Amino acid sequence: MVWRTTISFAALKRAGQASVKVRDKVVFIAVVGDELYAMDAVCSHSRCILGIIDREKLTVKCPCHDAVFDLRTGEMLEPPYVAPDVPKERMGLKTYNARVNKGFVEVDVE
C-alpha cells in the first residue's frame, strides 16, 4: 500500500464529502458517521464528477444523469436515466482504502 495525503479530516467532516486529485485520479471521499469511503469520483457513464450523497443508503449519485453508486463497493445500483439499459455490472467504480493519519485523510490509490 502507498498512502497519499489528501484533505484534512476536519475539513472533510465539515463538508461531509470532497472530490480530490490523487496522483492521476480524481477520488470522491465521504465520511458517514465514523466511516470513510473513497472511490473514483468520475462517473463511468458520462465522466461527470459525483456528488449527491445519500447517507442513509450509503450511495452517491451523479448529478448529470442520476446514475447511483454504492459507496462501499462502487457498484452501479441505478443506471443513468438517459441510458436505462446500460450494463450496470460493467459500469461500477473502483473503491479505495482510506484512513485518517495525523489529522489528514489518506487514500491508497495503487
C-alpha atoms as a PDB file:
ATOM      1  CA  MET A   1       0.000   0.000   0.000  1.00  0.00           C
ATOM      2  CA  VAL A   2       1.077   3.512  -0.790  1.00  0.00           C
ATOM      3  CA  TRP A   3      -0.925   6.043   1.197  1.00  0.00           C
ATOM      4  CA  ARG A   4      -1.422   9.511  -0.324  1.00  0.00           C
ATOM      5  CA  THR A   5      -2.378  12.509   1.803  1.00  0.00           C
ATOM      6  CA  THR A   6      -5.467  14.348   0.578  1.00  0.00           C
ATOM      7  CA  ILE A   7      -7.691  16.642   2.665  1.00  0.00           C
ATOM      8  CA  SER A   8      -7.700  17.462   6.356  1.00  0.00           C
ATOM      9  CA  PHE A   9     -10.128  15.293   8.283  1.00  0.00           C
ATOM     10  CA  ALA A  10     -11.591  18.406   9.956  1.00  0.00           C
ATOM     11  CA  ALA A  11     -12.426  19.917   6.543  1.00  0.00           C
ATOM     12  CA  LEU A  12     -13.912  16.637   5.340  1.00  0.00           C
ATOM     13  CA  LYS A  13     -16.050  16.335   8.488  1.00  0.00           C
ATOM     14  CA  ARG A  14     -17.387  19.869   7.933  1.00  0.00           C
ATOM     15  CA  ALA A  15     -18.131  19.278   4.248  1.00  0.00           C
ATOM     16  CA  GLY A  16     -19.131  15.613   4.573  1.00  0.00           C
ATOM     17  CA  GLN A  17     -17.635  14.821   1.194  1.00  0.00           C
ATOM     18  CA  ALA A  18     -14.984  16.031  -1.239  1.00  0.00           C
ATOM     19  CA  SER A  19     -13.546  15.224  -4.626  1.00  0.00           C
ATOM     20  CA  VAL A  20      -9.772  15.469  -4.610  1.00  0.00           C
ATOM     21  CA  LYS A  21      -6.964  14.828  -7.064  1.00  0.00           C
ATOM     22  CA  VAL A  22      -4.707  11.965  -6.002  1.00  0.00           C
ATOM     23  CA  ARG A  23      -1.870  11.427  -8.459  1.00  0.00           C
ATOM     24  CA  ASP A  24      -3.593  10.952 -11.836  1.00  0.00           C
ATOM     25  CA  LYS A  25      -7.053  10.205 -10.396  1.00  0.00           C
ATOM     26  CA  VAL A  26      -9.949  12.205  -9.015  1.00  0.00           C
ATOM     27  CA  VAL A  27     -11.231  10.487  -5.875  1.00  0.00           C
ATOM     28  CA  PHE A  28     -14.572  11.031  -4.144  1.00  0.00           C
ATOM     29  CA  ILE A  29     -14.157  10.831  -0.358  1.00  0.00           C
ATOM     30  CA  ALA A  30     -17.066  10.803   2.074  1.00  0.00           C
ATOM     31  CA  VAL A  31     -17.377  10.451   5.814  1.00  0.00           C
ATOM     32  CA  VAL A  32     -20.562   8.922   7.190  1.00  0.00           C
ATOM     33  CA  GLY A  33     -20.591   8.584  10.951  1.00  0.00           C
ATOM     34  CA  ASP A  34     -17.182   7.135  11.801  1.00  0.00           C
ATOM     35  CA  GLU A  35     -16.642   5.515   8.392  1.00  0.00           C
ATOM     36  CA  LEU A  36     -14.563   6.811   5.488  1.00  0.00           C
ATOM     37  CA  TYR A  37     -15.391   5.894   1.901  1.00  0.00           C
ATOM     38  CA  ALA A  38     -13.232   6.554  -1.152  1.00  0.00           C
ATOM     39  CA  MET A  39     -13.956   5.759  -4.792  1.00  0.00           C
ATOM     40  CA  ASP A  40     -13.360   7.067  -8.288  1.00  0.00           C
ATOM     41  CA  ALA A  41     -15.091  10.441  -8.491  1.00  0.00           C
ATOM     42  CA  VAL A  42     -15.718  10.348 -12.234  1.00  0.00           C
ATOM     43  CA  CYS A  43     -18.983   8.719 -13.334  1.00  0.00           C
ATOM     44  CA  SER A  44     -18.447   5.754 -15.616  1.00  0.00           C
ATOM     45  CA  HIS A  45     -21.337   6.844 -17.823  1.00  0.00           C
ATOM     46  CA  SER A  46     -20.588  10.405 -18.916  1.00  0.00           C
ATOM     47  CA  ARG A  47     -17.455  11.416 -16.982  1.00  0.00           C
ATOM     48  CA  CYS A  48     -19.220  13.870 -14.644  1.00  0.00           C
ATOM     49  CA  ILE A  49     -17.958  14.322 -11.084  1.00  0.00           C
ATOM     50  CA  LEU A  50     -20.079  12.500  -8.488  1.00  0.00           C
ATOM     51  CA  GLY A  51     -21.585  14.456  -5.670  1.00  0.00           C
ATOM     52  CA  ILE A  52     -25.120  13.800  -4.392  1.00  0.00           C
ATOM     53  CA  ILE A  53     -24.719  11.589  -1.347  1.00  0.00           C
ATOM     54  CA  ASP A  54     -27.423   9.634   0.468  1.00  0.00           C
ATOM     55  CA  ARG A  55     -26.025   8.938   3.923  1.00  0.00           C
ATOM     56  CA  GLU A  56     -28.775   6.511   4.890  1.00  0.00           C
ATOM     57  CA  LYS A  57     -28.444   4.324   1.795  1.00  0.00           C
ATOM     58  CA  LEU A  58     -24.648   4.814   1.564  1.00  0.00           C
ATOM     59  CA  THR A  59     -24.891   5.821  -2.073  1.00  0.00           C
ATOM     60  CA  VAL A  60     -23.678   8.651  -4.260  1.00  0.00           C
ATOM     61  CA  LYS A  61     -25.476   9.958  -7.340  1.00  0.00           C
ATOM     62  CA  CYS A  62     -24.068  11.520 -10.460  1.00  0.00           C
ATOM     63  CA  PRO A  63     -25.648  14.970 -10.892  1.00  0.00           C
ATOM     64  CA  CYS A  64     -25.642  14.737 -14.706  1.00  0.00           C
ATOM     65  CA  HIS A  65     -27.924  11.736 -15.343  1.00  0.00           C
ATOM     66  CA  ASP A  66     -28.733  10.321 -11.896  1.00  0.00           C
ATOM     67  CA  ALA A  67     -26.650   7.133 -12.026  1.00  0.00           C
ATOM     68  CA  VAL A  68     -26.334   5.819  -8.446  1.00  0.00           C
ATOM     69  CA  PHE A  69     -23.296   4.030  -6.992  1.00  0.00           C
ATOM     70  CA  ASP A  70     -22.753   2.129  -3.731  1.00  0.00           C
ATOM     71  CA  LEU A  71     -20.171   3.927  -1.565  1.00  0.00           C
ATOM     72  CA  ARG A  72     -18.942   0.625  -0.102  1.00  0.00           C
ATOM     73  CA  THR A  73     -18.447  -1.346  -3.315  1.00  0.00           C
ATOM     74  CA  GLY A  74     -18.536   1.125  -6.206  1.00  0.00           C
ATOM     75  CA  GLU A  75     -21.283  -0.961  -7.826  1.00  0.00           C
ATOM     76  CA  MET A  76     -23.697   0.912 -10.090  1.00  0.00           C
ATOM     77  CA  LEU A  77     -27.092   0.418  -8.436  1.00  0.00           C
ATOM     78  CA  GLU A  78     -29.207   2.542 -10.756  1.00  0.00           C
ATOM     79  CA  PRO A  79     -28.350   3.294 -14.380  1.00  0.00           C
ATOM     80  CA  PRO A  80     -28.431   6.820 -15.785  1.00  0.00           C
ATOM     81  CA  TYR A  81     -31.921   7.859 -16.827  1.00  0.00           C
ATOM     82  CA  VAL A  82     -30.711   8.572 -20.375  1.00  0.00           C
ATOM     83  CA  ALA A  83     -29.354   5.013 -20.737  1.00  0.00           C
ATOM     84  CA  PRO A  84     -31.603   2.713 -18.682  1.00  0.00           C
ATOM     85  CA  ASP A  85     -30.316  -0.424 -20.420  1.00  0.00           C
ATOM     86  CA  VAL A  86     -26.625   0.206 -19.693  1.00  0.00           C
ATOM     87  CA  PRO A  87     -24.988  -2.979 -18.298  1.00  0.00           C
ATOM     88  CA  LYS A  88     -24.749  -1.971 -14.615  1.00  0.00           C
ATOM     89  CA  GLU A  89     -22.431  -4.870 -13.784  1.00  0.00           C
ATOM     90  CA  ARG A  90     -19.777  -3.388 -16.099  1.00  0.00           C
ATOM     91  CA  MET A  91     -20.192   0.243 -15.026  1.00  0.00           C
ATOM     92  CA  GLY A  92     -19.035   0.122 -11.406  1.00  0.00           C
ATOM     93  CA  LEU A  93     -16.357   2.401  -9.999  1.00  0.00           C
ATOM     94  CA  LYS A  94     -13.143   1.459  -8.239  1.00  0.00           C
ATOM     95  CA  THR A  95     -13.093   1.881  -4.469  1.00  0.00           C
ATOM     96  CA  TYR A  96     -10.009   2.651  -2.392  1.00  0.00           C
ATOM     97  CA  ASN A  97      -8.844   2.145   1.172  1.00  0.00           C
ATOM     98  CA  ALA A  98      -8.930   5.350   3.217  1.00  0.00           C
ATOM     99  CA  ARG A  99      -7.756   6.240   6.701  1.00  0.00           C
ATOM    100  CA  VAL A 100      -7.057   9.214   8.953  1.00  0.00           C
ATOM    101  CA  ASN A 101      -3.422   9.803   9.853  1.00  0.00           C
ATOM    102  CA  LYS A 102      -2.173  12.826  11.818  1.00  0.00           C
ATOM    103  CA  GLY A 103      -5.343  14.776  11.071  1.00  0.00           C
ATOM    104  CA  PHE A 104      -5.403  14.123   7.315  1.00  0.00           C
ATOM    105  CA  VAL A 105      -7.305  11.665   5.157  1.00  0.00           C
ATOM    106  CA  GLU A 106      -5.012   9.316   3.294  1.00  0.00           C
ATOM    107  CA  VAL A 107      -6.061   7.181   0.322  1.00  0.00           C
ATOM    108  CA  ASP A 108      -4.309   4.178  -1.213  1.00  0.00           C
ATOM    109  CA  VAL A 109      -4.798   4.526  -4.974  1.00  0.00           C
ATOM    110  CA  GLU A 110      -2.189   1.993  -6.021  1.00  0.00           C
END
